[in-house]
C-alpha cells in the first residue's frame, strides 16, 4: 500500500513537471512599449583608469571585437572613483601609454604622415576653449558635485552632504555652462545616478527632479538585487529576489511621473550583486537569470536604457574577464542584441507559475539579415527544477521556429563560466572574429522544451505581427 502511494505521488510529480504551458500573445495593434536602440548598453568602472595599463587594455583588438558585437549602445565611464579622479595635464604618460600611443600616431592611418591642416587648425582653435573650461572646473569647486555618481551615498564616501534641490541647481548651472561652448552645446545631460530607491534616496530623487529635472535628458538610477558578499546560488534562482526589481522600478517611475512626466528613465548602472558582484556566481551561467529577467522586465515596464556594470574590469560581475575571455553574460547579451528588437509585445502564460517560468516577447531585431519584419522573438527562463514545455498559441502553431538555447558547459553545471548554444560551446574564433550563433530549427506545431534551470530565445518566423510592421 505504501509503495503504491509513493509511486502515485511520483507519477503525479512527473505529470506536473511535464504539463504543457500555453502562451497567448497580442500581435495586433500597437506594441505595448518601445525602447531605445541602445537599450542594452555598457559601463566601464572608473577604477580601471587607475590601472597603468588602462589605455593598452582598451586598445586590445580582442576587447574591441567583443565590444563591437554589442553595438549599438552607450558606454558609461563612471563609478565612485570618478568623484575623486583628478586630471593632471602636466603629468607624463606611463611607459605603457606611450607604447600604445606612439604606434597609433606613427602609422599611416589616413594615408598621410602629418596631421591634415584642417584638423590641426581645428584642434588649435579649440584648445583655448578646452583650457578655459578646465580652469573653470578647477576654480568653481562648489560645483564639483555636478559630476558625482550616487549622490545619495556621497556623505558616506566624502563626508559632504548634498541635498537633491542643490544638486538640481548645480545641474542647471552645468547645463548653461555647456551651452556656452560650441563643442558642448549639443551635449546630453543625464542624472542624478542615485542608488537603490530606498526612503532617503527617493526623497533626494524627488527634490532633485523638482529643482533641476527640466534640464536632464533622462533620469538615471542604479539597481542591484543583493549583497555580493553574502549572496547564495539560491538567491540567483529565487523568483522572490527577481521580483524585488519590479517594486524598485515602480517606485522610481512613480516619482518621475509625479515630477517630470514623460521624461525617459535609464538604469545608469546595474548588475546582479553590489560590492563588485558575488564571487563564483556573478561570473557564471546562473547570473544569466538575473540579467535576462532584468532586461525583460525593464523593457516591459518602461525603462529606456539598461547599462550593464561592467563590460570589463571591476569585480566579478564583468562580461569579459581579466584575460579578455567572454563570460556567460557576454554571450547572453550578444544573443539579446542580435535577436531582440526594440518593440515590446504583450504575452501571457497559462498552465505554469509565471514567476518560475518567466516569458517575454519582442519584435525580432529588424537589423538581423536572417529575419524580416513581422517576426517575433520569445525569450524564456525556467526556474523549475524539471523540464518545462511551452505550446505556442493557435495563430502561431503553424510557424517555423529557430531555437537559441543557452546551457552551461562542463561539470560545474549552472556555476560554469562556459556556455553552449544548441550544443556548441561558444568561443571566439580568433581575436578579431566572433563565433557564428547557430540556430536550431524546430518543426511547426512542436512544443518548446526548456530544461530545468535554463534560458533561451525562440524566433518565430513569418509571425506577421502587425505591431512589428
Protein backbone atom coordinates (compact mmCIF):
# COMPACT_ATOMS: atom_id res chain seq x y z
CA UNK A 1 0.00 0.00 0.00
CA UNK A 2 2.81 2.41 0.98
CA UNK A 3 4.74 1.59 -2.21
CA UNK A 4 1.59 2.17 -4.28
CA UNK A 5 1.09 5.62 -2.71
CA UNK A 6 4.73 6.50 -3.31
CA UNK A 7 4.51 5.51 -6.98
CA UNK A 8 1.31 7.51 -7.32
CA UNK A 9 2.97 10.56 -5.75
CA UNK A 10 5.99 10.29 -8.05
CA UNK A 11 3.73 9.89 -11.06
CA UNK A 12 1.83 13.00 -10.02
CA UNK A 13 5.07 15.00 -9.71
CA UNK A 14 6.22 13.78 -13.15
CA UNK A 15 2.88 14.77 -14.66
CA UNK A 16 3.13 18.22 -13.08
CA UNK A 17 6.64 18.62 -14.45
CA UNK A 18 5.65 17.53 -17.94
CA UNK A 19 2.43 19.60 -18.11
CA UNK A 20 2.44 21.88 -21.14
CA UNK A 21 2.11 25.62 -20.50
CA UNK A 22 0.24 27.61 -23.15
CA UNK A 23 1.20 31.07 -24.38
CA UNK A 24 -1.11 33.83 -25.52
CA UNK A 25 0.28 36.86 -27.35
CA UNK A 26 -1.05 40.19 -28.62
CA UNK A 27 0.40 40.71 -32.11
CA UNK A 28 -2.11 43.21 -33.50
CA UNK A 29 -2.28 46.93 -32.94
CA UNK A 30 0.48 49.00 -31.42
CA UNK A 31 3.35 47.48 -29.41
CA UNK A 32 2.99 47.68 -25.63
CA UNK A 33 6.21 49.70 -25.38
CA UNK A 34 9.25 50.69 -27.39
CA UNK A 35 12.78 51.12 -26.04
CA UNK A 36 15.95 52.77 -27.31
CA UNK A 37 18.03 51.01 -30.00
CA UNK A 38 20.80 51.32 -27.39
CA UNK A 39 18.62 49.60 -24.78
CA UNK A 40 21.37 47.18 -23.73
CA UNK A 41 24.37 49.37 -23.01
CA UNK A 42 27.62 49.00 -21.07
CA UNK A 43 29.72 50.61 -18.37
CA UNK A 44 33.41 50.73 -17.58
CA UNK A 45 34.21 51.41 -13.94
CA UNK A 46 36.45 54.37 -13.20
CA UNK A 47 38.68 52.12 -11.08
CA UNK A 48 40.11 50.88 -14.35
CA UNK A 49 41.57 54.33 -15.05
CA UNK A 50 43.88 53.87 -12.06
CA UNK A 51 45.44 50.85 -13.77
CA UNK A 52 48.63 51.95 -15.56
CA UNK A 53 47.64 49.56 -18.38
CA UNK A 54 44.30 51.37 -18.86
CA UNK A 55 44.97 52.68 -22.38
CA UNK A 56 46.56 49.47 -23.72
CA UNK A 57 43.69 47.44 -22.23
CA UNK A 58 41.10 49.47 -24.11
CA UNK A 59 43.23 49.14 -27.22
CA UNK A 60 43.12 45.34 -27.16
CA UNK A 61 41.88 44.04 -30.56
CA UNK A 62 40.06 41.20 -28.79
CA UNK A 63 38.27 43.53 -26.36
CA UNK A 64 37.28 45.83 -29.21
CA UNK A 65 35.89 42.89 -31.18
CA UNK A 66 33.79 41.88 -28.19
CA UNK A 67 32.58 45.45 -27.70
CA UNK A 68 31.69 45.78 -31.38
CA UNK A 69 29.46 42.72 -31.05
CA UNK A 70 27.28 44.59 -28.53
CA UNK A 71 26.76 47.71 -30.63
CA UNK A 72 24.81 49.93 -30.88
CA UNK A 73 24.94 51.16 -27.31
CA UNK A 74 26.13 53.77 -24.87
CA UNK A 75 29.35 53.38 -22.89
CA UNK A 76 29.24 54.94 -19.43
CA UNK A 77 32.58 55.64 -17.78
CA UNK A 78 31.77 56.11 -14.11
CA UNK A 79 31.56 54.77 -10.61
CA UNK A 80 32.51 56.05 -7.18
CA UNK A 81 36.11 56.60 -8.24
CA UNK A 82 35.07 59.33 -10.69
CA UNK A 83 34.17 61.55 -7.72
CA UNK A 84 37.82 61.54 -6.72
CA UNK A 85 39.68 61.43 -10.05
CA UNK A 86 41.90 64.44 -10.76
CA UNK A 87 43.04 65.32 -14.25
CA UNK A 88 46.65 66.50 -14.26
CA UNK A 89 47.68 67.83 -17.69
CA UNK A 90 51.30 68.17 -16.51
CA UNK A 91 51.71 64.51 -15.64
CA UNK A 92 53.79 62.41 -18.05
CA UNK A 93 52.31 59.41 -19.79
CA UNK A 94 53.23 55.99 -18.44
CA UNK A 95 55.53 53.73 -20.44
CA UNK A 96 52.55 51.53 -21.36
CA UNK A 97 50.59 54.56 -22.55
CA UNK A 98 53.49 55.76 -24.71
CA UNK A 99 53.98 52.26 -26.12
CA UNK A 100 50.32 52.28 -27.14
CA UNK A 101 50.00 55.81 -28.50
CA UNK A 102 53.27 56.14 -30.45
CA UNK A 103 52.41 53.42 -32.99
CA UNK A 104 48.94 54.96 -33.36
CA UNK A 105 50.46 58.33 -34.19
CA UNK A 106 53.17 56.96 -36.47
CA UNK A 107 51.11 54.56 -38.53
CA UNK A 108 49.72 55.79 -41.82
CA UNK A 109 46.05 55.70 -40.78
CA UNK A 110 44.72 58.42 -43.08
CA UNK A 111 47.16 57.96 -45.92
CA UNK A 112 49.35 60.89 -44.80
CA UNK A 113 52.20 61.16 -42.32
CA UNK A 114 51.29 64.59 -40.95
CA UNK A 115 48.05 65.83 -39.44
CA UNK A 116 45.83 67.38 -42.12
CA UNK A 117 45.93 71.18 -41.98
CA UNK A 118 42.19 71.50 -41.40
CA UNK A 119 42.33 69.12 -38.44
CA UNK A 120 45.35 70.89 -36.95
CA UNK A 121 43.65 74.28 -37.25
CA UNK A 122 40.51 72.92 -35.61
CA UNK A 123 42.49 71.45 -32.70
CA UNK A 124 44.40 74.69 -32.18
CA UNK A 125 41.21 76.76 -32.29
CA UNK A 126 39.50 74.52 -29.74
CA UNK A 127 42.36 74.38 -27.21
CA UNK A 128 41.72 77.84 -25.64
CA UNK A 129 38.10 76.79 -25.03
CA UNK A 130 39.19 73.49 -23.51
CA UNK A 131 41.75 75.25 -21.34
CA UNK A 132 39.19 77.77 -20.05
CA UNK A 133 36.73 75.03 -19.26
CA UNK A 134 39.34 73.07 -17.32
CA UNK A 135 40.33 76.18 -15.36
CA UNK A 136 36.72 76.96 -14.56
CA UNK A 137 36.14 73.41 -13.39
CA UNK A 138 39.15 73.76 -11.07
CA UNK A 139 38.08 77.17 -9.81
CA UNK A 140 34.38 76.53 -9.24
CA UNK A 141 34.90 73.90 -6.57
CA UNK A 142 31.45 74.37 -5.18
CA UNK A 143 30.09 72.96 -8.45
CA UNK A 144 32.16 69.80 -8.43
CA UNK A 145 29.09 67.84 -7.33
CA UNK A 146 27.61 68.19 -10.82
CA UNK A 147 29.63 65.17 -11.91
CA UNK A 148 29.21 62.94 -8.89
CA UNK A 149 27.75 59.47 -9.03
CA UNK A 150 25.30 58.13 -6.43
CA UNK A 151 24.83 61.48 -4.64
CA UNK A 152 22.76 59.68 -2.00
CA UNK A 153 25.96 57.98 -0.75
CA UNK A 154 28.31 60.94 -1.14
CA UNK A 155 28.22 61.79 2.58
CA UNK A 156 29.47 58.28 3.38
CA UNK A 157 32.25 58.47 0.79
CA UNK A 158 33.46 62.04 1.29
CA UNK A 159 31.84 63.46 4.41
CA UNK A 160 29.90 66.06 2.38
CA UNK A 161 26.11 66.17 2.21
CA UNK A 162 24.33 67.42 -0.91
CA UNK A 163 20.57 67.66 -0.95
CA UNK A 164 18.52 66.99 -4.05
CA UNK A 165 17.44 70.59 -4.53
CA UNK A 166 21.03 71.88 -4.52
CA UNK A 167 22.10 69.11 -6.86
CA UNK A 168 19.32 70.10 -9.22
CA UNK A 169 20.52 73.71 -9.22
CA UNK A 170 24.05 72.51 -9.93
CA UNK A 171 22.79 70.55 -12.93
CA UNK A 172 21.05 73.68 -14.22
CA UNK A 173 24.32 75.60 -13.89
CA UNK A 174 26.20 72.84 -15.70
CA UNK A 175 23.56 72.82 -18.43
CA UNK A 176 24.02 76.55 -19.08
CA UNK A 177 27.81 76.27 -18.81
CA UNK A 178 27.86 73.61 -21.51
CA UNK A 179 25.74 75.79 -23.79
CA UNK A 180 28.45 78.49 -23.79
CA UNK A 181 30.90 76.34 -25.74
CA UNK A 182 30.30 75.20 -29.29
CA UNK A 183 31.89 71.81 -28.62
CA UNK A 184 29.43 71.05 -25.83
CA UNK A 185 26.29 72.99 -26.60
CA UNK A 186 24.54 69.92 -28.01
CA UNK A 187 25.70 67.61 -25.21
CA UNK A 188 23.13 65.46 -23.46
CA UNK A 189 22.85 65.58 -19.70
CA UNK A 190 21.81 62.58 -17.60
CA UNK A 191 21.32 62.21 -13.87
CA UNK A 192 21.26 62.10 -10.96
CA UNK A 193 22.57 58.49 -10.88
CA UNK A 194 21.05 57.71 -7.48
CA UNK A 195 21.36 54.27 -5.93
CA UNK A 196 18.64 51.86 -4.81
CA UNK A 197 15.31 53.73 -4.39
CA UNK A 198 15.05 53.43 -0.62
CA UNK A 199 13.35 56.08 1.52
CA UNK A 200 16.11 58.71 1.68
CA UNK A 201 17.10 58.13 -1.94
CA UNK A 202 13.50 58.58 -3.05
CA UNK A 203 13.39 61.89 -1.19
CA UNK A 204 16.63 63.05 -2.84
CA UNK A 205 15.44 61.99 -6.30
CA UNK A 206 12.12 63.77 -5.93
CA UNK A 207 13.69 67.06 -4.77
CA UNK A 208 16.35 66.85 -7.50
CA UNK A 209 13.74 66.40 -10.24
CA UNK A 210 11.60 69.23 -8.90
CA UNK A 211 14.64 71.52 -8.87
CA UNK A 212 16.63 70.53 -11.97
CA UNK A 213 14.72 67.78 -13.77
CA UNK A 214 13.84 70.03 -16.68
CA UNK A 215 17.45 70.18 -17.94
CA UNK A 216 18.25 66.47 -18.00
CA UNK A 217 17.53 64.27 -20.99
CA UNK A 218 16.93 61.10 -18.96
CA UNK A 219 16.61 60.20 -15.30
CA UNK A 220 19.28 57.72 -14.18
CA UNK A 221 19.38 55.36 -11.22
CA UNK A 222 21.20 52.20 -10.12
CA UNK A 223 19.97 48.78 -9.13
CA UNK A 224 21.46 45.62 -7.65
CA UNK A 225 19.50 42.70 -6.25
CA UNK A 226 21.66 41.54 -3.36
CA UNK A 227 24.87 41.95 -1.38
CA UNK A 228 27.63 40.14 -3.25
CA UNK A 229 29.46 39.27 -0.02
CA UNK A 230 26.65 37.08 1.31
CA UNK A 231 24.81 36.06 -1.89
CA UNK A 232 23.98 32.41 -2.48
CA UNK A 233 23.16 30.31 -5.50
CA UNK A 234 19.58 30.14 -4.28
CA UNK A 235 19.32 33.95 -4.40
CA UNK A 236 20.13 33.90 -8.11
CA UNK A 237 17.36 31.37 -8.73
CA UNK A 238 14.74 32.93 -6.46
CA UNK A 239 11.58 34.34 -8.11
CA UNK A 240 11.07 36.46 -4.99
CA UNK A 241 14.50 38.06 -5.38
CA UNK A 242 13.89 38.69 -9.09
CA UNK A 243 10.55 40.33 -8.31
CA UNK A 244 12.14 42.88 -5.97
CA UNK A 245 13.22 44.68 -9.14
CA UNK A 246 9.56 45.24 -10.07
CA UNK A 247 8.97 47.13 -6.82
CA UNK A 248 12.08 49.27 -7.33
CA UNK A 249 11.08 50.21 -10.90
CA UNK A 250 7.56 51.14 -9.78
CA UNK A 251 8.96 53.39 -7.05
CA UNK A 252 11.23 55.25 -9.47
CA UNK A 253 8.62 55.60 -12.22
CA UNK A 254 6.08 56.92 -9.73
CA UNK A 255 8.48 59.68 -8.66
CA UNK A 256 9.39 60.56 -12.25
CA UNK A 257 5.76 60.61 -13.40
CA UNK A 258 4.86 62.85 -10.48
CA UNK A 259 7.63 65.42 -11.07
CA UNK A 260 8.78 65.35 -14.72
CA UNK A 261 6.11 63.32 -16.56
CA UNK A 262 7.23 61.96 -19.91
CA UNK A 263 10.93 62.05 -19.04
CA UNK A 264 12.77 58.88 -20.07
CA UNK A 265 14.24 56.67 -17.34
CA UNK A 266 17.54 54.82 -17.60
CA UNK A 267 19.24 52.25 -15.43
CA UNK A 268 22.58 54.05 -15.44
CA UNK A 269 24.35 51.19 -13.66
CA UNK A 270 23.13 47.71 -12.83
CA UNK A 271 24.18 44.12 -12.29
CA UNK A 272 23.41 41.15 -10.06
CA UNK A 273 25.07 41.92 -6.71
CA UNK A 274 26.60 45.07 -5.28
CA UNK A 275 30.06 45.15 -3.78
CA UNK A 276 31.70 44.06 -7.02
CA UNK A 277 29.45 41.06 -7.58
CA UNK A 278 29.23 37.65 -5.91
CA UNK A 279 32.39 35.54 -6.34
CA UNK A 280 31.83 32.31 -8.30
CA UNK A 281 28.25 33.37 -9.02
CA UNK A 282 28.12 36.72 -10.84
CA UNK A 283 30.55 35.49 -13.50
CA UNK A 284 28.82 32.16 -14.15
CA UNK A 285 25.82 30.80 -16.04
CA UNK A 286 23.50 31.23 -13.05
CA UNK A 287 23.91 35.04 -13.22
CA UNK A 288 22.06 34.99 -16.53
CA UNK A 289 18.72 34.53 -14.76
CA UNK A 290 19.04 37.92 -13.09
CA UNK A 291 20.42 39.59 -16.21
CA UNK A 292 17.93 38.29 -18.76
CA UNK A 293 14.97 38.79 -16.43
CA UNK A 294 16.07 42.36 -15.72
CA UNK A 295 16.25 43.08 -19.45
CA UNK A 296 12.79 41.62 -19.97
CA UNK A 297 11.18 43.44 -17.04
CA UNK A 298 12.92 46.75 -17.83
CA UNK A 299 11.62 46.84 -21.39
CA UNK A 300 8.14 45.72 -20.31
CA UNK A 301 7.89 48.33 -17.54
CA UNK A 302 9.25 51.32 -19.46
CA UNK A 303 12.98 51.61 -18.74
CA UNK A 304 14.50 53.03 -21.93
CA UNK A 305 18.18 52.05 -21.47
CA UNK A 306 19.89 49.46 -19.22
CA UNK A 307 23.64 49.95 -18.63
CA UNK A 308 25.39 46.78 -17.54
CA UNK A 309 28.06 47.07 -14.86
CA UNK A 310 30.66 46.21 -16.16
CA UNK A 311 31.91 45.35 -19.61
CA UNK A 312 35.47 44.76 -18.44
CA UNK A 313 37.32 45.37 -15.20
CA UNK A 314 35.97 45.71 -11.70
CA UNK A 315 34.71 42.87 -9.54
CA UNK A 316 33.26 39.55 -10.68
CA UNK A 317 30.18 40.89 -12.47
CA UNK A 318 32.09 41.72 -15.65
CA UNK A 319 31.07 40.44 -19.08
CA UNK A 320 34.70 39.87 -20.09
CA UNK A 321 37.32 38.56 -17.65
CA UNK A 322 40.85 39.78 -17.00
CA UNK A 323 42.20 37.57 -19.80
CA UNK A 324 39.72 39.05 -22.30
CA UNK A 325 37.66 35.85 -22.25
CA UNK A 326 33.90 36.41 -22.66
CA UNK A 327 31.78 35.06 -19.79
CA UNK A 328 28.23 33.62 -19.92
CA UNK A 329 26.52 37.00 -19.56
CA UNK A 330 28.50 38.28 -22.54
CA UNK A 331 27.13 35.54 -24.79
CA UNK A 332 23.65 36.12 -23.38
CA UNK A 333 23.97 39.83 -24.15
CA UNK A 334 25.23 39.10 -27.66
CA UNK A 335 22.22 36.88 -28.39
CA UNK A 336 19.88 39.51 -26.98
CA UNK A 337 21.42 42.17 -29.23
CA UNK A 338 21.16 40.02 -32.35
CA UNK A 339 17.66 38.64 -31.81
CA UNK A 340 15.60 41.06 -29.71
CA UNK A 341 14.15 44.23 -31.19
CA UNK A 342 13.02 47.48 -29.57
CA UNK A 343 9.26 46.86 -29.69
CA UNK A 344 7.76 45.09 -26.69
CA UNK A 345 4.70 42.86 -27.08
CA UNK A 346 2.17 41.57 -24.56
CA UNK A 347 2.46 37.90 -23.68
CA UNK A 348 0.76 35.72 -21.06
CA UNK A 349 1.22 32.19 -19.83
CA UNK A 350 -1.25 29.60 -18.54
CA UNK A 351 -0.52 26.17 -17.12
CA UNK A 352 2.61 27.13 -15.14
CA UNK A 353 3.62 29.55 -12.40
CA UNK A 354 4.62 32.74 -14.30
CA UNK A 355 7.08 33.56 -11.53
CA UNK A 356 9.01 30.36 -12.19
CA UNK A 357 8.52 30.14 -15.95
CA UNK A 358 9.14 33.73 -17.00
CA UNK A 359 8.30 34.78 -20.56
CA UNK A 360 8.93 37.91 -22.63
CA UNK A 361 8.05 38.74 -26.24
CA UNK A 362 9.50 41.38 -28.59
CA UNK A 363 9.55 42.07 -32.28
CA UNK A 364 12.67 40.47 -33.73
CA UNK A 365 15.64 42.77 -34.31
CA UNK A 366 14.91 44.20 -37.78
CA UNK A 367 18.65 44.63 -38.46
CA UNK A 368 19.21 40.88 -38.34
CA UNK A 369 19.50 39.78 -42.01
CA UNK A 370 18.21 36.28 -41.18
CA UNK A 371 14.76 37.59 -40.25
CA UNK A 372 12.18 40.00 -41.57
CA UNK A 373 9.55 42.46 -40.39
CA UNK A 374 6.71 40.75 -38.58
CA UNK A 375 8.90 38.06 -36.99
CA UNK A 376 8.84 37.91 -33.20
CA UNK A 377 11.35 36.78 -30.57
CA UNK A 378 10.26 34.97 -27.43
CA UNK A 379 12.67 34.53 -24.56
CA UNK A 380 12.03 32.28 -21.58
CA UNK A 381 13.61 31.50 -18.22
CA UNK A 382 12.85 28.20 -16.49
CA UNK A 383 13.32 28.34 -12.72
CA UNK A 384 11.68 24.94 -12.23
CA UNK A 385 13.93 22.00 -11.38
CA UNK A 386 12.31 19.99 -14.21
CA UNK A 387 11.99 20.48 -17.96
CA UNK A 388 9.01 22.65 -18.89
CA UNK A 389 7.19 22.55 -22.21
CA UNK A 390 5.53 25.59 -23.77
CA UNK A 391 2.95 25.48 -26.53
CA UNK A 392 2.53 28.46 -28.86
CA UNK A 393 -0.97 29.92 -29.35
CA UNK A 394 -3.08 28.61 -32.22
CA UNK A 395 -2.30 31.54 -34.54
CA UNK A 396 1.44 30.75 -34.28
CA UNK A 397 1.32 26.95 -34.10
CA UNK A 398 1.97 26.52 -37.84
CA UNK A 399 5.05 28.75 -37.86
CA UNK A 400 8.66 27.68 -38.17
CA UNK A 401 10.80 28.46 -35.14
CA UNK A 402 14.53 28.98 -34.66
CA UNK A 403 15.73 27.94 -31.21
CA UNK A 404 18.75 29.51 -29.45
CA UNK A 405 19.05 27.54 -26.22
CA UNK A 406 21.87 28.52 -23.86
CA UNK A 407 23.04 25.83 -21.44
CA UNK A 408 26.06 25.61 -19.14
CA UNK A 409 29.07 23.66 -20.39
CA UNK A 410 31.20 21.46 -18.16
CA UNK A 411 30.90 19.67 -14.82
CA UNK A 412 30.25 22.91 -12.88
CA UNK A 413 26.71 22.92 -14.30
CA UNK A 414 24.95 26.25 -13.63
CA UNK A 415 28.10 27.55 -11.91
CA UNK A 416 30.10 27.11 -15.12
CA UNK A 417 31.93 30.02 -16.72
CA UNK A 418 31.45 28.42 -20.14
CA UNK A 419 28.23 28.07 -22.14
CA UNK A 420 26.97 26.16 -25.14
CA UNK A 421 24.46 27.33 -27.72
CA UNK A 422 22.33 24.49 -29.07
CA UNK A 423 25.05 22.06 -28.04
CA UNK A 424 28.00 24.07 -29.46
CA UNK A 425 30.45 25.62 -26.98
CA UNK A 426 30.76 29.37 -27.57
CA UNK A 427 34.33 30.59 -28.05
CA UNK A 428 35.90 33.31 -30.16
CA UNK A 429 37.32 32.06 -33.45
CA UNK A 430 40.30 34.41 -33.06
CA UNK A 431 40.94 37.84 -31.56
CA UNK A 432 39.00 39.57 -34.32
CA UNK A 433 36.22 37.06 -35.02
CA UNK A 434 33.14 36.14 -33.01
CA UNK A 435 31.66 32.67 -33.50
CA UNK A 436 28.54 32.00 -35.54
CA UNK A 437 25.38 31.91 -33.45
CA UNK A 438 23.95 28.68 -34.83
CA UNK A 439 20.19 28.26 -34.72
CA UNK A 440 18.29 25.01 -34.26
CA UNK A 441 15.12 24.77 -36.42
CA UNK A 442 12.00 23.47 -34.68
CA UNK A 443 9.17 21.99 -36.81
CA UNK A 444 5.77 23.73 -36.82
CA UNK A 445 3.37 22.57 -34.11
CA UNK A 446 6.14 21.43 -31.75
CA UNK A 447 6.12 22.42 -28.09
CA UNK A 448 9.19 24.32 -26.87
CA UNK A 449 11.17 22.30 -24.34
CA UNK A 450 13.17 24.25 -21.79
CA UNK A 451 15.39 22.14 -19.47
CA UNK A 452 15.49 22.71 -15.71
CA UNK A 453 17.25 25.95 -14.69
CA UNK A 454 17.88 27.22 -18.21
CA UNK A 455 17.03 30.07 -20.55
CA UNK A 456 16.77 30.58 -24.29
CA UNK A 457 15.45 32.57 -27.24
CA UNK A 458 12.95 31.46 -29.89
CA UNK A 459 12.46 33.39 -33.12
CA UNK A 460 9.01 32.73 -34.58
CA UNK A 461 9.33 33.30 -38.30
CA UNK A 462 6.64 34.68 -40.55
CA UNK A 463 4.52 35.56 -37.49
CA UNK A 464 3.19 38.57 -39.41
CA UNK A 465 2.83 40.57 -36.22
CA UNK A 466 1.18 43.85 -37.19
CA UNK A 467 2.78 45.51 -34.17
CA UNK A 468 6.20 44.79 -35.73
CA UNK A 469 5.50 46.05 -39.26
